[in-house]
N, C-alpha and C. Protein backbone atom coordinates (compact mmCIF):
# COMPACT_ATOMS: atom_id res chain seq x y z
N UNK A 1 0.68 -1.37 -0.03
CA UNK A 1 -0.24 0.09 0.11
C UNK A 1 0.84 1.22 -0.05
N UNK A 2 1.92 1.47 0.90
CA UNK A 2 2.91 2.34 0.82
C UNK A 2 3.11 2.45 -0.56
N UNK A 3 3.87 1.43 -1.83
CA UNK A 3 4.19 2.02 -2.72
C UNK A 3 3.12 2.68 -3.61
N UNK A 4 2.02 2.36 -3.65
CA UNK A 4 0.93 2.96 -4.42
C UNK A 4 1.24 4.43 -4.16
N UNK A 5 1.12 4.78 -2.94
CA UNK A 5 0.86 6.48 -2.26
C UNK A 5 2.27 7.04 -2.69
N UNK A 6 3.68 6.12 -3.10
CA UNK A 6 4.46 6.99 -3.65
C UNK A 6 4.35 7.23 -5.21
N UNK A 7 3.99 6.43 -6.14
CA UNK A 7 3.29 6.35 -7.27
C UNK A 7 2.43 7.10 -7.29
N UNK A 8 1.83 7.58 -6.70
CA UNK A 8 0.73 8.83 -7.18
C UNK A 8 1.24 10.14 -7.20
N UNK A 9 2.13 10.45 -6.17
CA UNK A 9 2.74 11.89 -5.98
C UNK A 9 3.73 12.14 -7.47
N UNK A 10 4.41 11.38 -7.53
CA UNK A 10 5.38 11.78 -9.36
C UNK A 10 3.94 11.95 -10.48
N UNK A 11 3.18 11.10 -10.07
CA UNK A 11 2.08 10.98 -11.18
C UNK A 11 1.30 12.72 -11.44
N UNK A 12 1.07 12.90 -9.98
CA UNK A 12 -0.17 13.97 -10.33
C UNK A 12 0.94 15.13 -10.46
N UNK A 13 2.27 15.36 -9.97
CA UNK A 13 3.10 16.13 -10.24
C UNK A 13 3.65 16.39 -11.85
N UNK A 14 3.51 14.97 -12.22
CA UNK A 14 4.20 15.46 -14.08
C UNK A 14 2.76 15.48 -14.62
N UNK A 15 1.57 15.38 -14.15
CA UNK A 15 0.49 15.88 -15.14
C UNK A 15 0.13 17.28 -14.71
N UNK A 16 0.68 17.50 -13.36
CA UNK A 16 0.02 18.73 -13.68
C UNK A 16 1.13 20.03 -14.30
N UNK A 17 2.46 19.48 -14.08
CA UNK A 17 3.57 19.91 -14.92
C UNK A 17 3.12 20.11 -16.66
N UNK A 18 2.45 18.85 -16.74
CA UNK A 18 2.59 18.86 -18.65
C UNK A 18 0.94 19.78 -18.79
N UNK A 19 -0.17 19.47 -18.05
CA UNK A 19 -0.91 20.79 -18.17
C UNK A 19 -0.82 22.25 -18.16
N UNK A 20 0.19 22.66 -17.37
CA UNK A 20 0.51 23.82 -17.28
C UNK A 20 1.45 24.18 -18.35
N UNK A 21 2.30 23.35 -18.70
CA UNK A 21 3.29 23.14 -20.45
C UNK A 21 2.25 23.62 -21.37
N UNK A 22 0.99 22.78 -21.49
CA UNK A 22 0.70 22.70 -22.58
C UNK A 22 -0.40 24.20 -22.67
N UNK A 23 -0.68 24.65 -21.49
CA UNK A 23 -1.58 25.74 -21.37
C UNK A 23 -0.42 26.90 -21.94
N UNK A 24 0.62 26.98 -21.45
CA UNK A 24 1.50 28.22 -21.41
C UNK A 24 2.09 28.34 -23.27
N UNK A 25 2.45 26.70 -23.59
CA UNK A 25 2.45 26.60 -24.75
C UNK A 25 1.57 27.25 -25.85
N UNK A 26 0.29 26.73 -25.59
CA UNK A 26 -1.12 27.27 -26.35
C UNK A 26 -1.11 28.45 -26.30
N UNK A 27 -1.04 29.16 -25.25
CA UNK A 27 -1.16 30.70 -24.88
C UNK A 27 -0.07 31.18 -25.77
N UNK A 28 1.25 30.74 -25.69
CA UNK A 28 2.32 31.17 -26.55
C UNK A 28 2.18 30.94 -28.08
N UNK A 29 1.18 30.00 -28.74
CA UNK A 29 1.10 30.42 -29.86
C UNK A 29 -0.59 31.16 -30.38
N UNK A 30 -1.38 30.59 -29.79
CA UNK A 30 -2.80 31.05 -30.04
C UNK A 30 -3.05 32.21 -29.24
N UNK A 31 -2.72 32.30 -28.11
CA UNK A 31 -2.82 33.67 -27.58
C UNK A 31 -3.41 35.02 -28.17
N UNK A 32 -3.65 36.06 -27.00
CA UNK A 32 -3.53 37.31 -27.76
C UNK A 32 -2.55 38.05 -28.30
N UNK A 33 -1.30 37.54 -27.14
CA UNK A 33 -0.08 37.56 -27.59
C UNK A 33 0.72 36.63 -28.35
N UNK A 34 0.23 36.13 -28.48
CA UNK A 34 1.03 34.78 -29.08
C UNK A 34 1.70 34.73 -31.06
N UNK A 35 2.46 33.89 -30.70
CA UNK A 35 2.72 34.01 -32.46
C UNK A 35 1.84 34.28 -33.57
N UNK A 36 0.57 33.54 -33.64
CA UNK A 36 -0.32 33.92 -35.02
C UNK A 36 -0.74 35.21 -34.61
N UNK A 37 -1.01 35.39 -33.57
CA UNK A 37 -1.72 37.28 -33.34
C UNK A 37 -0.48 37.95 -33.85
N UNK A 38 0.65 37.92 -33.61
CA UNK A 38 1.85 38.62 -34.19
C UNK A 38 1.49 39.28 -35.58
N UNK A 39 1.96 37.62 -36.07
CA UNK A 39 1.61 37.48 -37.28
C UNK A 39 0.68 38.27 -38.64
N UNK A 40 -0.52 38.04 -37.61
CA UNK A 40 -1.76 38.75 -38.32
C UNK A 40 -1.52 40.36 -38.13
N UNK A 41 -1.04 40.73 -36.78
CA UNK A 41 -0.92 42.06 -36.56
C UNK A 41 0.16 42.90 -37.72
N UNK A 42 1.65 41.98 -37.73
CA UNK A 42 2.29 42.66 -38.64
C UNK A 42 1.52 42.85 -40.39
N UNK A 43 0.84 41.66 -40.50
CA UNK A 43 0.26 41.67 -41.86
C UNK A 43 -0.66 42.83 -42.16
N UNK A 44 -1.66 43.51 -41.26
CA UNK A 44 -1.98 44.18 -41.17
C UNK A 44 -1.14 45.79 -41.22
N UNK A 45 -0.05 45.78 -40.28
CA UNK A 45 0.65 47.01 -40.57
C UNK A 45 1.18 47.36 -42.04
N UNK A 46 1.35 46.25 -42.46
CA UNK A 46 1.82 46.27 -43.77
C UNK A 46 0.76 47.14 -44.68
N UNK A 47 -0.41 46.35 -44.53
CA UNK A 47 -1.34 46.73 -45.46
C UNK A 47 -1.90 48.12 -45.06
N UNK A 48 -1.66 48.49 -43.35
CA UNK A 48 -1.85 49.76 -43.44
C UNK A 48 -0.91 51.03 -43.55
N UNK A 49 0.24 50.33 -43.72
CA UNK A 49 1.39 51.45 -44.58
C UNK A 49 0.98 51.58 -45.97
N UNK A 50 0.65 50.51 -46.39
CA UNK A 50 0.43 50.52 -48.20
C UNK A 50 -0.47 51.41 -48.51
N UNK A 51 -1.68 51.40 -47.60
CA UNK A 51 -2.78 52.38 -48.24
C UNK A 51 -2.74 53.96 -47.41
N UNK A 52 -1.71 54.28 -46.20
CA UNK A 52 -1.10 55.32 -45.99
C UNK A 52 -0.52 55.90 -47.04
N UNK A 53 0.45 54.90 -47.32
CA UNK A 53 1.36 55.63 -48.81
C UNK A 53 0.37 56.21 -50.17
N UNK A 54 -0.12 55.49 -50.31
CA UNK A 54 -1.09 55.60 -51.29
C UNK A 54 -2.10 56.40 -51.18
N UNK A 55 -2.55 57.45 -50.37
CA UNK A 55 -3.14 58.04 -49.59
C UNK A 55 -2.25 59.61 -49.55
N UNK A 56 -1.04 59.51 -49.20
CA UNK A 56 -0.05 60.57 -49.22
C UNK A 56 -0.18 61.08 -50.81
N UNK A 57 -0.31 59.98 -51.14
CA UNK A 57 0.46 60.28 -52.74
C UNK A 57 -1.01 61.04 -53.63
N UNK A 58 -2.08 60.62 -53.01
CA UNK A 58 -3.39 61.26 -53.70
C UNK A 58 -3.43 62.46 -53.17
N UNK A 59 -2.83 62.80 -51.47
CA UNK A 59 -2.93 64.31 -51.20
C UNK A 59 -2.23 64.99 -51.50
N UNK A 60 -0.60 64.50 -52.50
CA UNK A 60 0.21 65.48 -52.84
C UNK A 60 -0.55 65.74 -54.01
N UNK A 61 -0.74 65.05 -54.92
CA UNK A 61 -1.58 65.05 -56.19
C UNK A 61 -2.59 66.27 -56.39
N UNK A 62 -3.36 65.75 -55.12
CA UNK A 62 -4.44 67.14 -55.25
C UNK A 62 -3.60 68.72 -54.42
N UNK A 63 -3.14 68.43 -53.66
CA UNK A 63 -2.17 69.76 -53.24
C UNK A 63 -1.49 70.08 -54.45
N UNK A 64 -0.92 68.95 -55.63
CA UNK A 64 -0.21 70.02 -56.33
C UNK A 64 -1.48 70.59 -57.37
N UNK A 65 -2.55 70.33 -57.68
CA UNK A 65 -3.43 70.45 -58.73
C UNK A 65 -4.14 71.87 -57.85
N UNK A 66 -4.07 72.04 -56.48
CA UNK A 66 -5.09 73.15 -55.89
C UNK A 66 -4.03 73.94 -56.13
N UNK A 67 -2.19 73.95 -56.05
CA UNK A 67 -1.41 74.93 -55.81
C UNK A 67 -1.52 75.43 -57.67
N UNK A 68 -1.90 74.51 -58.48
CA UNK A 68 -1.53 75.06 -60.01
C UNK A 68 -2.32 75.51 -60.42
N UNK A 69 -3.94 75.65 -59.47
CA UNK A 69 -5.67 76.79 -59.68
C UNK A 69 -5.29 77.22 -58.61
N UNK A 70 -4.53 77.85 -58.07
CA UNK A 70 -4.59 79.07 -56.94
C UNK A 70 -4.11 80.57 -57.62
N UNK A 71 -4.61 81.32 -56.85
CA UNK A 71 -4.32 82.58 -57.38
C UNK A 71 -2.81 83.01 -57.60
N UNK A 72 -2.25 82.38 -57.01
CA UNK A 72 -0.71 82.93 -57.01
C UNK A 72 0.04 82.10 -58.14
N UNK A 73 -0.31 81.06 -58.52
CA UNK A 73 -0.08 80.30 -59.80
C UNK A 73 -0.87 79.82 -60.38
N UNK A 74 -1.20 80.07 -61.33
CA UNK A 74 -2.14 79.50 -62.39
C UNK A 74 -1.75 79.26 -63.62
N UNK A 75 -1.82 77.74 -63.84
CA UNK A 75 -1.81 76.92 -64.94
C UNK A 75 -2.71 76.61 -66.34
N UNK A 76 -2.40 77.65 -67.27
CA UNK A 76 -3.59 77.61 -68.07
C UNK A 76 -3.82 76.34 -68.46
N UNK A 77 -3.21 75.62 -69.02
CA UNK A 77 -3.53 74.11 -69.48
C UNK A 77 -4.32 73.41 -68.53
N UNK A 78 -4.26 73.63 -67.05
CA UNK A 78 -4.87 72.58 -66.41
C UNK A 78 -6.11 73.40 -65.95
N UNK A 79 -6.21 74.95 -66.25
CA UNK A 79 -7.33 75.62 -66.07
C UNK A 79 -8.61 75.21 -67.22
N UNK A 80 -7.88 75.19 -68.30
CA UNK A 80 -8.62 74.67 -69.97
C UNK A 80 -9.24 73.25 -69.75
N UNK A 81 -8.27 72.38 -69.10
CA UNK A 81 -8.65 70.96 -69.02
C UNK A 81 -10.00 70.88 -68.26
N UNK A 82 -9.68 71.80 -67.05
CA UNK A 82 -10.82 71.17 -65.76
C UNK A 82 -12.01 72.11 -66.37
N UNK A 83 -11.94 73.06 -67.15
CA UNK A 83 -13.05 73.92 -68.06
C UNK A 83 -13.75 72.86 -68.83
N UNK A 84 -12.86 71.81 -69.70
CA UNK A 84 -13.57 70.76 -70.68
C UNK A 84 -14.54 70.32 -69.61
N UNK A 85 -13.39 69.66 -68.78
CA UNK A 85 -14.30 68.54 -68.33
C UNK A 85 -15.26 68.81 -67.42
N UNK A 86 -15.18 69.47 -66.56
CA UNK A 86 -16.44 69.81 -65.47
C UNK A 86 -17.67 71.05 -65.89
N UNK A 87 -17.07 71.67 -67.11
CA UNK A 87 -18.05 72.54 -67.61
C UNK A 87 -18.58 72.01 -69.12
N UNK A 88 -17.80 71.48 -69.13
CA UNK A 88 -18.00 70.64 -71.18
C UNK A 88 -17.89 72.01 -71.86
N UNK A 89 -16.91 72.67 -71.74
CA UNK A 89 -16.89 74.01 -72.66
C UNK A 89 -15.78 73.45 -73.94
N UNK A 90 -16.07 74.24 -75.03
CA UNK A 90 -15.32 73.67 -76.01
C UNK A 90 -14.95 75.08 -76.95
N UNK A 91 -13.86 75.11 -77.41
CA UNK A 91 -13.32 76.13 -78.33
C UNK A 91 -14.59 76.50 -79.66
N UNK A 92 -14.29 77.32 -79.98
CA UNK A 92 -15.14 77.90 -81.32
C UNK A 92 -14.92 76.99 -82.94
N UNK A 93 -13.63 76.88 -82.59
CA UNK A 93 -12.80 76.26 -83.72
C UNK A 93 -12.72 74.63 -83.69
N UNK A 94 -13.49 74.04 -82.53
CA UNK A 94 -13.30 72.80 -82.54
C UNK A 94 -14.60 72.00 -82.77
N UNK A 95 -14.21 70.43 -83.34
CA UNK A 95 -15.43 69.41 -83.87
C UNK A 95 -15.63 68.73 -82.74
N UNK A 96 -16.65 68.68 -82.20
CA UNK A 96 -17.22 67.48 -80.96
C UNK A 96 -17.25 66.45 -81.83
N UNK A 97 -17.40 65.46 -81.44
CA UNK A 97 -17.56 64.07 -81.87
C UNK A 97 -17.85 63.44 -80.79
N UNK A 98 -19.24 62.61 -80.96
CA UNK A 98 -19.65 62.01 -80.03
C UNK A 98 -20.15 60.26 -80.53
């Protein structure tokens, strides 16, 4: 009977150690701060960085067009292009084909 009690102690110890090791391994891989979450966040960062860069380029383009149509600097070609596109204006000597 004494040997059975001695065999149960190490069995309980190793069972608890195994459960804790499995839990911490699972948390390290699948948890809120785990490896998979880190890979997902890294991918989201790259995606958002690309979107940010695209938006910055668009803002720069709009700022350039705004500057070119400002009172201080007037680009007549751009003004002509905008008048044609937005207002539908044409010169008297042009032929419109639809």
